[in-house]
Amino acid sequence: MKLFRIFSTSSARIFAQSVDKLLNTVDTALILFKEGVRSYLYNDMDSFSKTLSAMATAETEAGVLRRDIENMLYSRGSLIRYRGDIMRLLERYDHILSILSNDLIQFEIESPNVPSELKKEFVKLAELATLAAETTIPGTKAYFSEPEHVSEAIHRVYLYDKQAVKLSQSIKRTVFHDMGQLKLSEKFHLRYFALHIEDLSTSAVKVAEQLSVMAIKRSL
């Protein structure tokens, strides 16, 4: 089975390879995000610093690839049919990358004090949110090669998002109801970070929604 087989010309195959590289870069960034959150929470600041640097590199690489893809979309008439949908999909992945990078930077800048009893919950929240975003990648590849499998990936994105939202709410409820020793400002700080990790899974849902629209169009 050939990836992106809806494109048959050599120029379209080059375009497909660039999209595939972008998706792989997003996947790398998601792995880095999980590692970065864990490193910060368990005070491995050397590893956290290296992850920040690697994330910046991944974000730069993704930016270059996106510009290349956009140039191909606007310069090759054979791709005009897919231009609008693919551009919107790229924008949603760009937003995911921004969340990954910005969240780690905010950990570094604001240095939230996460109580030991919540560290496992924050790690799990990052894992669930990341899973939601990771699942969009095979869903996107399926759109180009086997669109009938897009709905399966979309279903899993919604499942992971639901679990992430549930855990985020549980963390916030624990912080505000069961941690009287914390200052109100500390509680707001922890809520802020739980919410922003949760935003990653919400952004994954936006990708899933766009893929669903694209898959429907392909079936018409």
N, C-alpha and C. Protein backbone atom coordinates (compact mmCIF):
# COMPACT_ATOMS: atom_id res chain seq x y z
N MET A 1 0.85 -1.19 0.00
CA MET A 1 0.00 0.00 0.00
C MET A 1 0.88 1.24 0.00
N LYS A 2 0.63 2.15 -0.90
CA LYS A 2 1.46 3.34 -1.03
C LYS A 2 0.79 4.51 -0.34
N LEU A 3 1.55 5.18 0.54
CA LEU A 3 1.05 6.33 1.23
C LEU A 3 0.73 7.45 0.25
N PHE A 4 -0.36 8.17 0.50
CA PHE A 4 -0.77 9.29 -0.33
C PHE A 4 -1.06 8.87 -1.78
N ARG A 5 -1.68 7.75 -1.99
CA ARG A 5 -1.87 7.26 -3.34
C ARG A 5 -2.93 8.02 -4.13
N ILE A 6 -3.62 8.99 -3.49
CA ILE A 6 -4.52 9.82 -4.26
C ILE A 6 -3.74 10.75 -5.17
N PHE A 7 -2.42 10.87 -4.92
CA PHE A 7 -1.56 11.66 -5.78
C PHE A 7 -0.72 10.71 -6.63
N SER A 8 -0.68 10.94 -7.93
CA SER A 8 0.02 9.99 -8.81
C SER A 8 1.23 10.59 -9.52
N THR A 9 1.31 11.92 -9.63
CA THR A 9 2.43 12.52 -10.34
C THR A 9 3.66 12.57 -9.45
N SER A 10 4.82 12.73 -10.09
CA SER A 10 6.07 12.77 -9.31
C SER A 10 6.10 13.99 -8.40
N SER A 11 5.59 15.14 -8.87
CA SER A 11 5.59 16.34 -8.05
C SER A 11 4.68 16.18 -6.85
N ALA A 12 3.57 15.48 -7.04
CA ALA A 12 2.65 15.25 -5.92
C ALA A 12 3.26 14.29 -4.91
N ARG A 13 4.08 13.36 -5.38
CA ARG A 13 4.74 12.44 -4.45
C ARG A 13 5.75 13.20 -3.59
N ILE A 14 6.43 14.18 -4.18
CA ILE A 14 7.36 15.01 -3.40
C ILE A 14 6.59 15.78 -2.33
N PHE A 15 5.43 16.30 -2.74
CA PHE A 15 4.56 16.99 -1.78
C PHE A 15 4.17 16.04 -0.65
N ALA A 16 3.79 14.82 -0.99
CA ALA A 16 3.37 13.84 0.00
C ALA A 16 4.49 13.52 0.98
N GLN A 17 5.70 13.42 0.47
CA GLN A 17 6.85 13.15 1.33
C GLN A 17 7.07 14.28 2.33
N SER A 18 6.86 15.52 1.88
CA SER A 18 7.02 16.66 2.77
C SER A 18 5.98 16.65 3.88
N VAL A 19 4.73 16.29 3.53
CA VAL A 19 3.68 16.19 4.54
C VAL A 19 4.02 15.09 5.54
N ASP A 20 4.52 13.97 5.03
CA ASP A 20 4.88 12.86 5.89
C ASP A 20 6.00 13.27 6.86
N LYS A 21 6.97 14.04 6.38
CA LYS A 21 8.06 14.52 7.24
C LYS A 21 7.52 15.46 8.32
N LEU A 22 6.56 16.30 7.94
CA LEU A 22 5.96 17.21 8.91
C LEU A 22 5.25 16.43 10.01
N LEU A 23 4.49 15.41 9.62
CA LEU A 23 3.79 14.60 10.60
C LEU A 23 4.76 13.88 11.53
N ASN A 24 5.88 13.42 10.99
CA ASN A 24 6.89 12.78 11.82
C ASN A 24 7.52 13.77 12.79
N THR A 25 7.67 15.02 12.36
CA THR A 25 8.22 16.05 13.23
C THR A 25 7.25 16.36 14.36
N VAL A 26 5.97 16.41 14.05
CA VAL A 26 4.95 16.60 15.09
C VAL A 26 5.01 15.45 16.09
N ASP A 27 5.15 14.24 15.59
CA ASP A 27 5.23 13.07 16.46
C ASP A 27 6.43 13.17 17.39
N THR A 28 7.57 13.62 16.86
CA THR A 28 8.77 13.81 17.68
C THR A 28 8.52 14.85 18.77
N ALA A 29 7.86 15.95 18.39
CA ALA A 29 7.57 17.01 19.36
C ALA A 29 6.65 16.50 20.48
N LEU A 30 5.71 15.64 20.15
CA LEU A 30 4.82 15.08 21.16
C LEU A 30 5.59 14.21 22.15
N ILE A 31 6.52 13.43 21.64
CA ILE A 31 7.37 12.61 22.52
C ILE A 31 8.20 13.49 23.44
N LEU A 32 8.76 14.55 22.87
CA LEU A 32 9.56 15.49 23.65
C LEU A 32 8.73 16.15 24.75
N PHE A 33 7.48 16.46 24.42
CA PHE A 33 6.60 17.10 25.41
C PHE A 33 6.39 16.19 26.61
N LYS A 34 6.08 14.93 26.35
CA LYS A 34 5.90 13.99 27.47
C LYS A 34 7.17 13.89 28.32
N GLU A 35 8.31 13.80 27.65
CA GLU A 35 9.58 13.70 28.37
C GLU A 35 9.85 14.96 29.17
N GLY A 36 9.52 16.11 28.57
CA GLY A 36 9.77 17.38 29.25
C GLY A 36 8.93 17.56 30.50
N VAL A 37 7.66 17.21 30.41
CA VAL A 37 6.78 17.32 31.58
C VAL A 37 7.26 16.42 32.70
N ARG A 38 7.60 15.19 32.34
CA ARG A 38 8.09 14.24 33.36
C ARG A 38 9.40 14.73 33.98
N SER A 39 10.31 15.21 33.14
CA SER A 39 11.59 15.69 33.65
C SER A 39 11.41 16.86 34.61
N TYR A 40 10.52 17.78 34.25
CA TYR A 40 10.30 18.93 35.14
C TYR A 40 9.70 18.47 36.47
N LEU A 41 8.68 17.64 36.41
CA LEU A 41 7.98 17.23 37.62
C LEU A 41 8.88 16.46 38.58
N TYR A 42 9.83 15.72 38.04
CA TYR A 42 10.72 14.93 38.89
C TYR A 42 12.12 15.53 38.99
N ASN A 43 12.19 16.83 38.73
CA ASN A 43 13.38 17.65 39.01
C ASN A 43 14.64 17.22 38.27
N ASP A 44 14.46 16.65 37.09
CA ASP A 44 15.61 16.35 36.24
C ASP A 44 15.80 17.53 35.29
N MET A 45 16.37 18.59 35.83
CA MET A 45 16.42 19.84 35.09
C MET A 45 17.41 19.81 33.93
N ASP A 46 18.42 18.97 34.02
CA ASP A 46 19.36 18.83 32.89
C ASP A 46 18.63 18.24 31.68
N SER A 47 17.86 17.18 31.94
CA SER A 47 17.07 16.56 30.88
C SER A 47 16.00 17.54 30.37
N PHE A 48 15.39 18.29 31.28
CA PHE A 48 14.37 19.25 30.89
C PHE A 48 14.95 20.32 29.98
N SER A 49 16.13 20.81 30.29
CA SER A 49 16.78 21.82 29.46
C SER A 49 17.08 21.29 28.07
N LYS A 50 17.54 20.05 27.99
CA LYS A 50 17.83 19.43 26.70
C LYS A 50 16.54 19.26 25.88
N THR A 51 15.46 18.92 26.58
CA THR A 51 14.18 18.76 25.90
C THR A 51 13.68 20.09 25.33
N LEU A 52 13.86 21.17 26.08
CA LEU A 52 13.49 22.49 25.59
C LEU A 52 14.23 22.83 24.30
N SER A 53 15.52 22.52 24.29
CA SER A 53 16.34 22.79 23.11
C SER A 53 15.88 21.94 21.92
N ALA A 54 15.63 20.67 22.18
CA ALA A 54 15.17 19.77 21.12
C ALA A 54 13.80 20.19 20.59
N MET A 55 12.94 20.68 21.49
CA MET A 55 11.62 21.14 21.07
C MET A 55 11.74 22.35 20.15
N ALA A 56 12.65 23.27 20.48
CA ALA A 56 12.86 24.44 19.63
C ALA A 56 13.33 24.02 18.24
N THR A 57 14.19 23.02 18.19
CA THR A 57 14.68 22.51 16.90
C THR A 57 13.53 21.90 16.10
N ALA A 58 12.71 21.09 16.77
CA ALA A 58 11.57 20.46 16.09
C ALA A 58 10.60 21.50 15.57
N GLU A 59 10.37 22.54 16.35
CA GLU A 59 9.45 23.60 15.93
C GLU A 59 9.99 24.33 14.70
N THR A 60 11.30 24.57 14.69
CA THR A 60 11.92 25.22 13.53
C THR A 60 11.82 24.35 12.29
N GLU A 61 12.11 23.06 12.44
CA GLU A 61 12.02 22.14 11.32
C GLU A 61 10.59 22.07 10.77
N ALA A 62 9.62 22.06 11.67
CA ALA A 62 8.22 22.01 11.24
C ALA A 62 7.85 23.27 10.48
N GLY A 63 8.37 24.40 10.92
CA GLY A 63 8.09 25.65 10.22
C GLY A 63 8.63 25.66 8.81
N VAL A 64 9.83 25.13 8.62
CA VAL A 64 10.43 25.04 7.29
C VAL A 64 9.61 24.12 6.40
N LEU A 65 9.23 22.97 6.94
CA LEU A 65 8.44 22.01 6.17
C LEU A 65 7.08 22.59 5.80
N ARG A 66 6.47 23.29 6.74
CA ARG A 66 5.16 23.86 6.44
C ARG A 66 5.26 24.89 5.32
N ARG A 67 6.29 25.72 5.35
CA ARG A 67 6.44 26.71 4.28
C ARG A 67 6.66 26.04 2.94
N ASP A 68 7.44 24.95 2.93
CA ASP A 68 7.65 24.20 1.68
C ASP A 68 6.33 23.63 1.16
N ILE A 69 5.54 23.07 2.07
CA ILE A 69 4.26 22.49 1.68
C ILE A 69 3.32 23.57 1.14
N GLU A 70 3.28 24.70 1.81
CA GLU A 70 2.42 25.79 1.36
C GLU A 70 2.83 26.28 -0.03
N ASN A 71 4.14 26.38 -0.26
CA ASN A 71 4.63 26.81 -1.57
C ASN A 71 4.19 25.83 -2.66
N MET A 72 4.28 24.53 -2.34
CA MET A 72 3.86 23.53 -3.32
C MET A 72 2.36 23.59 -3.58
N LEU A 73 1.58 23.84 -2.53
CA LEU A 73 0.13 23.92 -2.69
C LEU A 73 -0.26 25.07 -3.62
N TYR A 74 0.48 26.16 -3.56
CA TYR A 74 0.13 27.33 -4.36
C TYR A 74 0.81 27.37 -5.72
N SER A 75 1.82 26.53 -5.92
CA SER A 75 2.54 26.57 -7.19
C SER A 75 2.19 25.42 -8.13
N ARG A 76 1.49 24.42 -7.62
CA ARG A 76 1.19 23.25 -8.45
C ARG A 76 -0.31 23.10 -8.62
N GLY A 77 -0.76 23.30 -9.84
CA GLY A 77 -2.18 23.26 -10.13
C GLY A 77 -2.83 21.94 -9.82
N SER A 78 -2.05 20.86 -9.86
CA SER A 78 -2.62 19.54 -9.62
C SER A 78 -3.11 19.37 -8.18
N LEU A 79 -2.66 20.26 -7.28
CA LEU A 79 -3.03 20.16 -5.87
C LEU A 79 -4.12 21.15 -5.47
N ILE A 80 -4.60 21.94 -6.43
CA ILE A 80 -5.54 23.00 -6.09
C ILE A 80 -6.82 22.48 -5.44
N ARG A 81 -7.23 21.30 -5.85
CA ARG A 81 -8.47 20.71 -5.31
C ARG A 81 -8.39 20.51 -3.80
N TYR A 82 -7.18 20.26 -3.29
CA TYR A 82 -7.01 19.93 -1.88
C TYR A 82 -6.45 21.09 -1.06
N ARG A 83 -6.18 22.21 -1.72
CA ARG A 83 -5.43 23.30 -1.09
C ARG A 83 -6.08 23.80 0.20
N GLY A 84 -7.34 24.18 0.13
CA GLY A 84 -8.00 24.78 1.29
C GLY A 84 -8.05 23.85 2.49
N ASP A 85 -8.44 22.62 2.25
CA ASP A 85 -8.54 21.66 3.36
C ASP A 85 -7.18 21.37 3.97
N ILE A 86 -6.17 21.18 3.13
CA ILE A 86 -4.85 20.86 3.65
C ILE A 86 -4.27 22.04 4.41
N MET A 87 -4.50 23.26 3.93
CA MET A 87 -4.03 24.45 4.63
C MET A 87 -4.66 24.53 6.02
N ARG A 88 -5.95 24.26 6.11
CA ARG A 88 -6.61 24.30 7.42
C ARG A 88 -6.06 23.20 8.34
N LEU A 89 -5.76 22.04 7.76
CA LEU A 89 -5.18 20.96 8.55
C LEU A 89 -3.80 21.35 9.07
N LEU A 90 -3.00 21.97 8.21
CA LEU A 90 -1.67 22.42 8.62
C LEU A 90 -1.75 23.45 9.75
N GLU A 91 -2.72 24.33 9.67
CA GLU A 91 -2.90 25.34 10.72
C GLU A 91 -3.19 24.69 12.06
N ARG A 92 -3.98 23.63 12.04
CA ARG A 92 -4.31 22.95 13.29
C ARG A 92 -3.09 22.23 13.86
N TYR A 93 -2.26 21.65 13.01
CA TYR A 93 -1.02 21.04 13.50
C TYR A 93 -0.05 22.10 14.01
N ASP A 94 -0.04 23.24 13.36
CA ASP A 94 0.81 24.34 13.81
C ASP A 94 0.40 24.78 15.21
N HIS A 95 -0.91 24.78 15.46
CA HIS A 95 -1.40 25.14 16.79
C HIS A 95 -0.96 24.12 17.84
N ILE A 96 -0.99 22.84 17.48
CA ILE A 96 -0.53 21.80 18.39
C ILE A 96 0.94 22.02 18.75
N LEU A 97 1.76 22.30 17.75
CA LEU A 97 3.18 22.55 18.00
C LEU A 97 3.38 23.76 18.91
N SER A 98 2.58 24.78 18.71
CA SER A 98 2.69 25.98 19.55
C SER A 98 2.35 25.65 21.00
N ILE A 99 1.33 24.84 21.22
CA ILE A 99 0.96 24.44 22.58
C ILE A 99 2.09 23.66 23.23
N LEU A 100 2.66 22.71 22.50
CA LEU A 100 3.74 21.90 23.05
C LEU A 100 4.91 22.76 23.48
N SER A 101 5.34 23.65 22.60
CA SER A 101 6.47 24.51 22.90
C SER A 101 6.16 25.50 24.01
N ASN A 102 5.03 26.17 23.91
CA ASN A 102 4.68 27.20 24.90
C ASN A 102 4.47 26.62 26.29
N ASP A 103 3.87 25.44 26.37
CA ASP A 103 3.64 24.84 27.69
C ASP A 103 4.97 24.53 28.38
N LEU A 104 5.92 23.96 27.64
CA LEU A 104 7.22 23.66 28.26
C LEU A 104 7.94 24.95 28.66
N ILE A 105 7.85 25.97 27.82
CA ILE A 105 8.49 27.24 28.14
C ILE A 105 7.87 27.84 29.40
N GLN A 106 6.55 27.72 29.56
CA GLN A 106 5.90 28.25 30.75
C GLN A 106 6.31 27.48 32.00
N PHE A 107 6.53 26.18 31.88
CA PHE A 107 7.07 25.43 33.01
C PHE A 107 8.42 26.01 33.42
N GLU A 108 9.24 26.32 32.42
CA GLU A 108 10.59 26.84 32.69
C GLU A 108 10.54 28.24 33.29
N ILE A 109 9.65 29.08 32.78
CA ILE A 109 9.58 30.47 33.23
C ILE A 109 8.91 30.59 34.61
N GLU A 110 7.76 29.93 34.78
CA GLU A 110 6.96 30.13 35.98
C GLU A 110 7.29 29.15 37.11
N SER A 111 7.94 28.05 36.77
CA SER A 111 8.38 27.07 37.77
C SER A 111 7.28 26.72 38.78
N PRO A 112 6.17 26.17 38.33
CA PRO A 112 5.09 25.83 39.27
C PRO A 112 5.54 24.77 40.28
N ASN A 113 5.05 24.92 41.49
CA ASN A 113 5.35 23.96 42.54
C ASN A 113 4.23 22.93 42.59
N VAL A 114 4.51 21.77 42.03
CA VAL A 114 3.48 20.72 41.96
C VAL A 114 3.66 19.78 43.16
N PRO A 115 2.65 19.67 44.02
CA PRO A 115 2.75 18.77 45.18
C PRO A 115 3.06 17.34 44.75
N SER A 116 3.81 16.64 45.56
CA SER A 116 4.25 15.29 45.20
C SER A 116 3.07 14.36 44.90
N GLU A 117 1.95 14.55 45.61
CA GLU A 117 0.80 13.67 45.41
C GLU A 117 0.07 13.93 44.10
N LEU A 118 0.44 15.00 43.40
CA LEU A 118 -0.19 15.30 42.11
C LEU A 118 0.72 15.04 40.91
N LYS A 119 1.95 14.68 41.17
CA LYS A 119 2.89 14.54 40.06
C LYS A 119 2.49 13.43 39.09
N LYS A 120 2.09 12.29 39.63
CA LYS A 120 1.66 11.19 38.76
C LYS A 120 0.45 11.58 37.93
N GLU A 121 -0.46 12.35 38.54
CA GLU A 121 -1.65 12.79 37.82
C GLU A 121 -1.30 13.74 36.67
N PHE A 122 -0.34 14.64 36.90
CA PHE A 122 0.08 15.55 35.84
C PHE A 122 0.80 14.79 34.72
N VAL A 123 1.60 13.81 35.09
CA VAL A 123 2.26 12.98 34.07
C VAL A 123 1.22 12.24 33.25
N LYS A 124 0.23 11.66 33.91
CA LYS A 124 -0.83 10.93 33.21
C LYS A 124 -1.63 11.87 32.32
N LEU A 125 -1.89 13.08 32.78
CA LEU A 125 -2.63 14.06 31.98
C LEU A 125 -1.85 14.38 30.70
N ALA A 126 -0.54 14.58 30.84
CA ALA A 126 0.28 14.85 29.66
C ALA A 126 0.26 13.67 28.70
N GLU A 127 0.28 12.45 29.24
CA GLU A 127 0.25 11.26 28.39
C GLU A 127 -1.06 11.14 27.63
N LEU A 128 -2.18 11.40 28.30
CA LEU A 128 -3.49 11.29 27.65
C LEU A 128 -3.66 12.37 26.57
N ALA A 129 -3.26 13.59 26.90
CA ALA A 129 -3.38 14.67 25.93
C ALA A 129 -2.50 14.41 24.72
N THR A 130 -1.31 13.85 24.98
CA THR A 130 -0.39 13.52 23.90
C THR A 130 -0.95 12.39 23.04
N LEU A 131 -1.55 11.41 23.68
CA LEU A 131 -2.16 10.30 22.92
C LEU A 131 -3.24 10.80 21.97
N ALA A 132 -4.03 11.77 22.43
CA ALA A 132 -5.07 12.34 21.57
C ALA A 132 -4.44 12.95 20.33
N ALA A 133 -3.35 13.70 20.52
CA ALA A 133 -2.68 14.34 19.39
C ALA A 133 -1.96 13.32 18.51
N GLU A 134 -1.32 12.34 19.14
CA GLU A 134 -0.60 11.31 18.37
C GLU A 134 -1.55 10.54 17.46
N THR A 135 -2.76 10.30 17.93
CA THR A 135 -3.71 9.50 17.16
C THR A 135 -4.16 10.21 15.89
N THR A 136 -4.03 11.53 15.86
CA THR A 136 -4.40 12.25 14.63
C THR A 136 -3.44 11.95 13.49
N ILE A 137 -2.23 11.55 13.81
CA ILE A 137 -1.21 11.35 12.77
C ILE A 137 -1.56 10.18 11.85
N PRO A 138 -1.80 8.97 12.38
CA PRO A 138 -2.26 7.90 11.48
C PRO A 138 -3.60 8.23 10.83
N GLY A 139 -4.42 9.03 11.52
CA GLY A 139 -5.68 9.44 10.91
C GLY A 139 -5.45 10.30 9.69
N THR A 140 -4.48 11.20 9.78
CA THR A 140 -4.15 12.06 8.64
C THR A 140 -3.57 11.24 7.50
N LYS A 141 -2.69 10.31 7.81
CA LYS A 141 -2.12 9.45 6.77
C LYS A 141 -3.20 8.58 6.13
N ALA A 142 -4.15 8.15 6.94
CA ALA A 142 -5.23 7.33 6.39
C ALA A 142 -6.06 8.13 5.39
N TYR A 143 -6.21 9.41 5.63
CA TYR A 143 -6.99 10.25 4.71
C TYR A 143 -6.44 10.15 3.29
N PHE A 144 -5.12 10.13 3.17
CA PHE A 144 -4.49 10.10 1.86
C PHE A 144 -4.39 8.70 1.25
N SER A 145 -4.40 7.68 2.09
CA SER A 145 -4.18 6.34 1.56
C SER A 145 -5.40 5.42 1.70
N GLU A 146 -6.04 5.44 2.86
CA GLU A 146 -7.20 4.60 3.12
C GLU A 146 -8.24 5.41 3.89
N PRO A 147 -8.95 6.30 3.23
CA PRO A 147 -9.87 7.22 3.92
C PRO A 147 -10.96 6.51 4.71
N GLU A 148 -11.22 5.26 4.40
CA GLU A 148 -12.25 4.53 5.14
C GLU A 148 -11.83 4.28 6.59
N HIS A 149 -10.52 4.44 6.88
CA HIS A 149 -10.03 4.21 8.24
C HIS A 149 -9.90 5.50 9.05
N VAL A 150 -10.24 6.63 8.45
CA VAL A 150 -10.14 7.90 9.16
C VAL A 150 -11.05 7.92 10.38
N SER A 151 -12.26 7.41 10.23
CA SER A 151 -13.23 7.46 11.33
C SER A 151 -12.75 6.70 12.56
N GLU A 152 -12.00 5.63 12.35
CA GLU A 152 -11.47 4.85 13.47
C GLU A 152 -10.51 5.70 14.29
N ALA A 153 -9.61 6.41 13.61
CA ALA A 153 -8.66 7.27 14.30
C ALA A 153 -9.38 8.41 15.01
N ILE A 154 -10.37 8.98 14.34
CA ILE A 154 -11.12 10.08 14.92
C ILE A 154 -11.81 9.64 16.21
N HIS A 155 -12.37 8.46 16.20
CA HIS A 155 -13.03 7.93 17.41
C HIS A 155 -12.05 7.87 18.58
N ARG A 156 -10.83 7.44 18.33
CA ARG A 156 -9.84 7.31 19.40
C ARG A 156 -9.40 8.68 19.91
N VAL A 157 -9.33 9.67 19.02
CA VAL A 157 -8.98 11.03 19.46
C VAL A 157 -10.01 11.53 20.47
N TYR A 158 -11.28 11.34 20.16
CA TYR A 158 -12.34 11.78 21.07
C TYR A 158 -12.28 11.02 22.40
N LEU A 159 -11.92 9.75 22.34
CA LEU A 159 -11.83 8.95 23.56
C LEU A 159 -10.73 9.48 24.46
N TYR A 160 -9.53 9.72 23.90
CA TYR A 160 -8.42 10.22 24.71
C TYR A 160 -8.71 11.63 25.23
N ASP A 161 -9.36 12.44 24.40
CA ASP A 161 -9.70 13.80 24.85
C ASP A 161 -10.66 13.73 26.04
N LYS A 162 -11.65 12.87 25.97
CA LYS A 162 -12.61 12.74 27.07
C LYS A 162 -11.90 12.32 28.35
N GLN A 163 -10.95 11.39 28.24
CA GLN A 163 -10.20 10.94 29.42
C GLN A 163 -9.32 12.05 29.97
N ALA A 164 -8.71 12.84 29.06
CA ALA A 164 -7.85 13.94 29.50
C ALA A 164 -8.66 15.01 30.23
N VAL A 165 -9.81 15.34 29.68
CA VAL A 165 -10.68 16.35 30.32
C VAL A 165 -11.12 15.85 31.70
N LYS A 166 -11.49 14.59 31.79
CA LYS A 166 -11.94 14.03 33.07
C LYS A 166 -10.82 14.09 34.11
N LEU A 167 -9.59 13.75 33.71
CA LEU A 167 -8.47 13.78 34.65
C LEU A 167 -8.12 15.21 35.03
N SER A 168 -8.16 16.11 34.07
CA SER A 168 -7.87 17.51 34.36
C SER A 168 -8.85 18.07 35.38
N GLN A 169 -10.11 17.73 35.22
CA GLN A 169 -11.12 18.18 36.17
C GLN A 169 -10.88 17.58 37.55
N SER A 170 -10.45 16.32 37.57
CA SER A 170 -10.15 15.66 38.85
C SER A 170 -8.99 16.35 39.56
N ILE A 171 -7.96 16.71 38.80
CA ILE A 171 -6.81 17.41 39.38
C ILE A 171 -7.26 18.75 39.97
N LYS A 172 -8.02 19.50 39.19
CA LYS A 172 -8.47 20.83 39.66
C LYS A 172 -9.38 20.70 40.87
N ARG A 173 -10.22 19.68 40.88
CA ARG A 173 -11.10 19.47 42.03
C ARG A 173 -10.29 19.13 43.29
N THR A 174 -9.27 18.29 43.12
CA THR A 174 -8.41 17.95 44.25
C THR A 174 -7.69 19.18 44.78
N VAL A 175 -7.17 19.99 43.87
CA VAL A 175 -6.43 21.19 44.26
C VAL A 175 -7.31 22.13 45.07
N PHE A 176 -8.53 22.37 44.63
CA PHE A 176 -9.37 23.36 45.28
C PHE A 176 -10.16 22.81 46.47
N HIS A 177 -10.41 21.50 46.50
CA HIS A 177 -11.24 20.95 47.56
C HIS A 177 -10.44 20.25 48.66
N ASP A 178 -9.29 19.69 48.30
CA ASP A 178 -8.58 18.82 49.25
C ASP A 178 -7.20 19.31 49.65
N MET A 179 -6.78 20.45 49.15
CA MET A 179 -5.43 20.92 49.46
C MET A 179 -5.49 22.30 50.13
N GLY A 180 -6.05 22.29 51.33
CA GLY A 180 -6.20 23.53 52.07
C GLY A 180 -4.89 24.17 52.47
N GLN A 181 -3.80 23.38 52.42
CA GLN A 181 -2.50 23.92 52.80
C GLN A 181 -1.93 24.85 51.73
N LEU A 182 -2.50 24.80 50.52
CA LEU A 182 -2.00 25.64 49.43
C LEU A 182 -2.63 27.03 49.48
N LYS A 183 -1.85 28.03 49.11
CA LYS A 183 -2.39 29.37 48.95
C LYS A 183 -3.31 29.39 47.73
N LEU A 184 -4.24 30.34 47.72
CA LEU A 184 -5.14 30.45 46.58
C LEU A 184 -4.35 30.70 45.29
N SER A 185 -3.30 31.49 45.37
CA SER A 185 -2.48 31.76 44.18
C SER A 185 -1.82 30.49 43.67
N GLU A 186 -1.43 29.59 44.57
CA GLU A 186 -0.83 28.32 44.18
C GLU A 186 -1.87 27.42 43.51
N LYS A 187 -3.08 27.46 44.03
CA LYS A 187 -4.16 26.67 43.43
C LYS A 187 -4.46 27.15 42.01
N PHE A 188 -4.52 28.46 41.83
CA PHE A 188 -4.75 29.01 40.49
C PHE A 188 -3.62 28.62 39.55
N HIS A 189 -2.41 28.59 40.06
CA HIS A 189 -1.25 28.24 39.25
C HIS A 189 -1.35 26.81 38.75
N LEU A 190 -1.71 25.90 39.63
CA LEU A 190 -1.85 24.50 39.25
C LEU A 190 -3.01 24.30 38.29
N ARG A 191 -4.11 25.01 38.53
CA ARG A 191 -5.25 24.94 37.61
C ARG A 191 -4.84 25.40 36.21
N TYR A 192 -4.04 26.46 36.17
CA TYR A 192 -3.56 27.02 34.90
C TYR A 192 -2.79 25.97 34.10
N PHE A 193 -1.89 25.25 34.75
CA PHE A 193 -1.08 24.27 34.04
C PHE A 193 -1.89 23.04 33.65
N ALA A 194 -2.81 22.63 34.49
CA ALA A 194 -3.69 21.51 34.11
C ALA A 194 -4.51 21.88 32.88
N LEU A 195 -5.03 23.10 32.87
CA LEU A 195 -5.85 23.56 31.76
C LEU A 195 -5.05 23.62 30.46
N HIS A 196 -3.81 24.08 30.54
CA HIS A 196 -3.04 24.23 29.32
C HIS A 196 -2.54 22.89 28.77
N ILE A 197 -2.32 21.92 29.62
CA ILE A 197 -2.03 20.58 29.12
C ILE A 197 -3.27 19.99 28.48
N GLU A 198 -4.42 20.21 29.12
CA GLU A 198 -5.70 19.75 28.58
C GLU A 198 -5.96 20.35 27.20
N ASP A 199 -5.51 21.59 26.99
CA ASP A 199 -5.73 22.26 25.70
C ASP A 199 -5.11 21.48 24.53
N LEU A 200 -4.08 20.70 24.82
CA LEU A 200 -3.45 19.89 23.76
C LEU A 200 -4.45 18.90 23.19
N SER A 201 -5.19 18.23 24.06
CA SER A 201 -6.17 17.25 23.57
C SER A 201 -7.32 17.95 22.86
N THR A 202 -7.68 19.15 23.33
CA THR A 202 -8.71 19.92 22.64
C THR A 202 -8.28 20.28 21.23
N SER A 203 -7.02 20.63 21.07
CA SER A 203 -6.49 20.94 19.74
C SER A 203 -6.45 19.70 18.85
N ALA A 204 -6.22 18.54 19.46
CA ALA A 204 -6.26 17.29 18.70
C ALA A 204 -7.66 17.04 18.16
N VAL A 205 -8.68 17.39 18.95
CA VAL A 205 -10.06 17.25 18.49
C VAL A 205 -10.31 18.14 17.28
N LYS A 206 -9.72 19.34 17.27
CA LYS A 206 -9.87 20.25 16.12
C LYS A 206 -9.29 19.61 14.85
N VAL A 207 -8.17 18.90 14.98
CA VAL A 207 -7.61 18.17 13.85
C VAL A 207 -8.57 17.08 13.41
N ALA A 208 -9.12 16.34 14.38
CA ALA A 208 -10.05 15.26 14.06
C ALA A 208 -11.28 15.78 13.34
N GLU A 209 -11.78 16.93 13.78
CA GLU A 209 -12.95 17.52 13.13
C GLU A 209 -12.64 17.89 11.68
N GLN A 210 -11.45 18.46 11.46
CA GLN A 210 -11.06 18.81 10.09
C GLN A 210 -10.90 17.57 9.22
N LEU A 211 -10.30 16.52 9.77
CA LEU A 211 -10.15 15.27 9.03
C LEU A 211 -11.51 14.67 8.68
N SER A 212 -12.44 14.77 9.60
CA SER A 212 -13.79 14.24 9.34
C SER A 212 -14.43 14.94 8.16
N VAL A 213 -14.30 16.26 8.12
CA VAL A 213 -14.84 17.03 6.99
C VAL A 213 -14.16 16.62 5.69
N MET A 214 -12.84 16.47 5.73
CA MET A 214 -12.08 16.11 4.54
C MET A 214 -12.46 14.71 4.03
N ALA A 215 -12.65 13.77 4.98
CA ALA A 215 -13.00 12.41 4.61
C ALA A 215 -14.39 12.37 3.97
N ILE A 216 -15.31 13.17 4.49
CA ILE A 216 -16.66 13.23 3.91
C ILE A 216 -16.59 13.76 2.48
N LYS A 217 -15.80 14.79 2.26
CA LYS A 217 -15.65 15.35 0.92
C LYS A 217 -15.08 14.31 -0.06
N ARG A 218 -14.14 13.50 0.42
CA ARG A 218 -13.56 12.48 -0.45
C ARG A 218 -14.56 11.41 -0.80
N SER A 219 -15.56 11.20 0.05
CA SER A 219 -16.53 10.13 -0.20
C SER A 219 -17.65 10.56 -1.13
N LEU A 220 -17.72 11.88 -1.39
CA LEU A 220 -18.81 12.38 -2.25
C LEU A 220 -18.51 12.17 -3.73
